[in-house]
């Protein structure tokens, strides 16, 4: 019967997650093993960080999987940082260590508001918004069949060194992230011709749509 009580506790947490969705940004940092009912709460937050080699997320671990399916699988392959960042898309960021993870979370806070009633932080830019850029005249090839790097275009048209990519390893045929224009935070959504010719498949569509919904909820221009 104690199990029922603990499940009720999980439900209370999930309720707060759903009530807070679109009202305040929800960030999760997975800094170690996260299994069972504990994985559901971070999975429905806005952004998830995992640390390579030490972070794991799965409903049931390798031992249970082996008992049920008789298959040997490692924790890393089942729910490691790379698995969730590249294949499942559950993790938005895979950091090399915990320090990089925390720094990434702090950086994201510089682009987003604290709630849907607040404005995004604004920073004074030393990048002249009226500057001309000759590179843009040649960065896109004349031939429509020749790929080019969309990230290079984004870097050129936004404030210097301001682009902060989200879901970098997942569905690379679409690029999403935050940047600044004259110090104002904006969301970026762009096809990436360097991956699958930039076509929209299921994964990239889900990735792009989720990012658009977040920006819409927090009044971030796209």
Protein backbone atom coordinates (compact mmCIF):
# COMPACT_ATOMS: atom_id res chain seq x y z
CA UNK A 1 0.00 0.00 0.00
CA UNK A 2 2.95 2.33 0.52
CA UNK A 3 3.55 2.16 -3.22
CA UNK A 4 0.18 3.79 -3.87
CA UNK A 5 1.12 6.70 -1.61
CA UNK A 6 4.41 7.24 -3.47
CA UNK A 7 2.59 7.16 -6.81
CA UNK A 8 0.27 9.84 -5.47
CA UNK A 9 3.32 11.94 -4.65
CA UNK A 10 4.55 11.59 -8.20
CA UNK A 11 1.14 12.67 -9.46
CA UNK A 12 1.29 15.83 -7.33
CA UNK A 13 4.64 16.72 -8.90
CA UNK A 14 3.37 16.05 -12.43
CA UNK A 15 0.34 18.24 -11.76
CA UNK A 16 2.61 21.14 -10.80
CA UNK A 17 4.64 20.54 -13.97
CA UNK A 18 1.57 20.74 -16.16
CA UNK A 19 0.09 23.77 -14.36
CA UNK A 20 3.42 25.58 -14.72
CA UNK A 21 3.81 24.71 -18.40
CA UNK A 22 3.85 27.88 -20.47
CA UNK A 23 3.75 30.02 -17.31
CA UNK A 24 7.32 29.72 -16.04
CA UNK A 25 10.29 28.13 -17.83
CA UNK A 26 11.09 24.67 -16.48
CA UNK A 27 14.68 23.43 -16.72
CA UNK A 28 15.93 20.01 -15.62
CA UNK A 29 19.51 18.89 -14.99
CA UNK A 30 20.11 15.14 -14.87
CA UNK A 31 23.43 14.74 -13.04
CA UNK A 32 23.26 11.02 -12.29
CA UNK A 33 21.00 7.97 -12.69
CA UNK A 34 17.30 8.85 -13.02
CA UNK A 35 14.96 5.88 -13.24
CA UNK A 36 11.37 4.84 -12.69
CA UNK A 37 8.74 7.42 -11.83
CA UNK A 38 11.42 10.08 -11.37
CA UNK A 39 11.99 10.34 -15.13
CA UNK A 40 8.50 11.57 -15.99
CA UNK A 41 8.81 15.00 -14.39
CA UNK A 42 11.96 16.13 -16.24
CA UNK A 43 10.63 14.61 -19.46
CA UNK A 44 7.75 17.12 -19.50
CA UNK A 45 9.84 20.17 -18.61
CA UNK A 46 10.97 22.66 -21.25
CA UNK A 47 14.69 21.92 -21.40
CA UNK A 48 16.75 18.97 -20.19
CA UNK A 49 20.51 18.83 -19.64
CA UNK A 50 22.40 15.56 -19.27
CA UNK A 51 26.08 14.92 -18.55
CA UNK A 52 27.97 12.49 -20.75
CA UNK A 53 29.11 9.34 -18.98
CA UNK A 54 27.27 9.94 -15.70
CA UNK A 55 23.64 10.80 -16.55
CA UNK A 56 21.04 8.15 -17.34
CA UNK A 57 17.27 8.33 -17.86
CA UNK A 58 15.07 5.27 -18.24
CA UNK A 59 11.82 3.92 -16.84
CA UNK A 60 13.41 0.50 -16.22
CA UNK A 61 17.13 -0.19 -16.05
CA UNK A 62 19.33 -2.75 -17.84
CA UNK A 63 18.69 -5.51 -15.29
CA UNK A 64 14.92 -5.34 -15.74
CA UNK A 65 15.29 -5.19 -19.52
CA UNK A 66 17.44 -8.33 -19.45
CA UNK A 67 14.95 -10.15 -17.23
CA UNK A 68 12.02 -9.35 -19.52
CA UNK A 69 13.62 -9.44 -22.98
CA UNK A 70 16.79 -11.50 -22.31
CA UNK A 71 18.81 -8.79 -24.02
CA UNK A 72 22.02 -7.33 -22.65
CA UNK A 73 22.04 -3.54 -22.82
CA UNK A 74 24.23 -0.98 -21.08
CA UNK A 75 22.92 1.99 -19.14
CA UNK A 76 24.57 4.30 -21.66
CA UNK A 77 22.90 2.67 -24.66
CA UNK A 78 19.54 2.45 -22.91
CA UNK A 79 19.33 5.98 -21.56
CA UNK A 80 22.65 7.80 -21.64
CA UNK A 81 23.21 11.44 -22.56
CA UNK A 82 24.17 10.71 -26.17
CA UNK A 83 21.22 8.35 -26.63
CA UNK A 84 18.70 10.95 -25.50
CA UNK A 85 20.44 13.87 -27.21
CA UNK A 86 20.83 12.18 -30.61
CA UNK A 87 18.18 9.45 -30.91
CA UNK A 88 15.18 10.03 -28.66
CA UNK A 89 15.40 13.82 -28.48
CA UNK A 90 14.47 13.76 -24.79
CA UNK A 91 17.62 15.69 -23.84
CA UNK A 92 18.14 19.13 -25.35
CA UNK A 93 21.76 19.41 -24.25
CA UNK A 94 24.52 16.86 -23.58
CA UNK A 95 27.33 18.43 -21.54
CA UNK A 96 30.86 17.11 -21.11
CA UNK A 97 30.78 17.70 -17.34
CA UNK A 98 28.61 19.19 -14.61
CA UNK A 99 30.30 22.59 -14.76
CA UNK A 100 29.51 22.91 -18.46
CA UNK A 101 25.94 21.82 -17.69
CA UNK A 102 25.41 24.55 -15.09
CA UNK A 103 27.04 27.18 -17.31
CA UNK A 104 24.71 26.20 -20.14
CA UNK A 105 21.65 26.57 -17.93
CA UNK A 106 22.80 30.00 -16.78
CA UNK A 107 23.36 31.04 -20.38
CA UNK A 108 19.85 29.98 -21.37
CA UNK A 109 18.41 32.16 -18.60
CA UNK A 110 19.98 35.16 -20.35
CA UNK A 111 17.65 34.61 -23.33
CA UNK A 112 14.32 33.75 -21.72
CA UNK A 113 11.99 35.58 -19.30
CA UNK A 114 11.30 34.35 -15.77
CA UNK A 115 7.59 34.02 -16.58
CA UNK A 116 5.16 34.57 -19.43
CA UNK A 117 4.36 38.01 -17.98
CA UNK A 118 7.91 39.30 -18.12
CA UNK A 119 10.05 40.48 -21.00
CA UNK A 120 13.19 38.74 -22.16
CA UNK A 121 16.48 40.12 -20.78
CA UNK A 122 18.05 42.75 -23.03
CA UNK A 123 21.77 43.27 -23.38
CA UNK A 124 23.66 46.14 -24.91
CA UNK A 125 25.21 44.98 -28.16
CA UNK A 126 28.53 46.14 -29.55
CA UNK A 127 27.57 44.70 -32.95
CA UNK A 128 26.37 47.51 -35.23
CA UNK A 129 22.86 46.59 -36.46
CA UNK A 130 23.37 48.66 -39.62
CA UNK A 131 26.58 46.91 -40.66
CA UNK A 132 26.92 45.44 -44.13
CA UNK A 133 28.09 41.89 -44.63
CA UNK A 134 29.67 40.92 -47.91
CA UNK A 135 29.89 37.27 -46.90
CA UNK A 136 26.11 36.93 -47.25
CA UNK A 137 26.45 37.61 -50.97
CA UNK A 138 28.44 34.41 -51.47
CA UNK A 139 27.54 32.11 -48.60
CA UNK A 140 24.43 30.78 -50.37
CA UNK A 141 25.45 29.02 -53.63
CA UNK A 142 23.81 29.84 -56.95
CA UNK A 143 22.95 26.19 -57.53
CA UNK A 144 19.85 25.04 -55.60
CA UNK A 145 21.35 21.53 -55.48
CA UNK A 146 24.47 22.60 -53.59
CA UNK A 147 24.23 22.55 -49.78
CA UNK A 148 25.41 25.31 -47.48
CA UNK A 149 25.67 25.69 -43.72
CA UNK A 150 22.62 27.49 -42.36
CA UNK A 151 24.38 28.03 -39.03
CA UNK A 152 26.93 30.23 -40.81
CA UNK A 153 24.08 32.36 -42.14
CA UNK A 154 22.53 32.64 -38.67
CA UNK A 155 25.87 33.67 -37.16
CA UNK A 156 26.21 36.45 -39.73
CA UNK A 157 22.74 37.99 -39.40
CA UNK A 158 22.47 37.89 -35.58
CA UNK A 159 24.50 39.72 -32.93
CA UNK A 160 28.09 38.52 -32.76
CA UNK A 161 28.48 35.20 -30.88
CA UNK A 162 24.89 35.33 -29.65
CA UNK A 163 23.48 32.15 -31.24
CA UNK A 164 22.64 29.49 -28.64
CA UNK A 165 21.55 26.29 -30.34
CA UNK A 166 18.96 23.98 -28.78
CA UNK A 167 18.62 20.25 -29.60
CA UNK A 168 21.88 20.42 -31.56
CA UNK A 169 22.39 16.67 -31.98
CA UNK A 170 18.75 15.69 -32.62
CA UNK A 171 17.16 16.01 -36.08
CA UNK A 172 20.04 18.11 -37.47
CA UNK A 173 18.10 18.84 -40.67
CA UNK A 174 16.42 21.68 -38.80
CA UNK A 175 18.19 24.22 -36.61
CA UNK A 176 16.50 25.84 -33.61
CA UNK A 177 17.89 28.09 -30.92
CA UNK A 178 18.06 31.54 -29.41
CA UNK A 179 20.01 34.56 -30.61
CA UNK A 180 19.98 38.34 -30.26
CA UNK A 181 19.21 41.14 -32.70
CA UNK A 182 20.50 44.49 -31.42
CA UNK A 183 20.48 43.02 -27.93
CA UNK A 184 16.93 41.64 -28.06
CA UNK A 185 16.41 37.89 -27.66
CA UNK A 186 14.75 36.06 -30.56
CA UNK A 187 14.05 32.45 -31.48
CA UNK A 188 15.55 30.96 -34.64
CA UNK A 189 14.03 28.16 -36.74
CA UNK A 190 15.77 27.25 -39.99
CA UNK A 191 16.15 24.31 -42.35
CA UNK A 192 19.71 22.96 -42.50
CA UNK A 193 20.70 22.01 -46.08
CA UNK A 194 23.82 20.25 -44.76
CA UNK A 195 21.67 17.44 -43.26
CA UNK A 196 19.17 15.48 -45.37
CA UNK A 197 19.03 18.49 -47.71
CA UNK A 198 17.06 20.31 -45.01
CA UNK A 199 13.87 18.34 -45.59
CA UNK A 200 11.18 18.27 -42.92
CA UNK A 201 10.69 14.75 -41.61
CA UNK A 202 8.80 13.66 -38.51
CA UNK A 203 11.63 14.24 -36.03
CA UNK A 204 12.56 17.68 -37.35
CA UNK A 205 8.91 18.74 -37.48
CA UNK A 206 8.35 17.73 -33.85
CA UNK A 207 11.59 19.46 -32.84
CA UNK A 208 10.68 22.68 -34.62
CA UNK A 209 7.06 22.70 -33.43
CA UNK A 210 8.05 22.21 -29.80
CA UNK A 211 10.48 25.12 -29.97
CA UNK A 212 7.87 27.35 -31.63
CA UNK A 213 5.36 26.54 -28.88
CA UNK A 214 7.87 27.53 -26.21
CA UNK A 215 8.63 30.85 -27.91
CA UNK A 216 4.92 31.52 -28.36
CA UNK A 217 4.19 30.84 -24.68
CA UNK A 218 6.88 33.26 -23.51
CA UNK A 219 6.40 35.97 -26.14
CA UNK A 220 9.77 35.46 -27.80
CA UNK A 221 9.83 36.73 -31.41
CA UNK A 222 10.70 34.13 -34.05
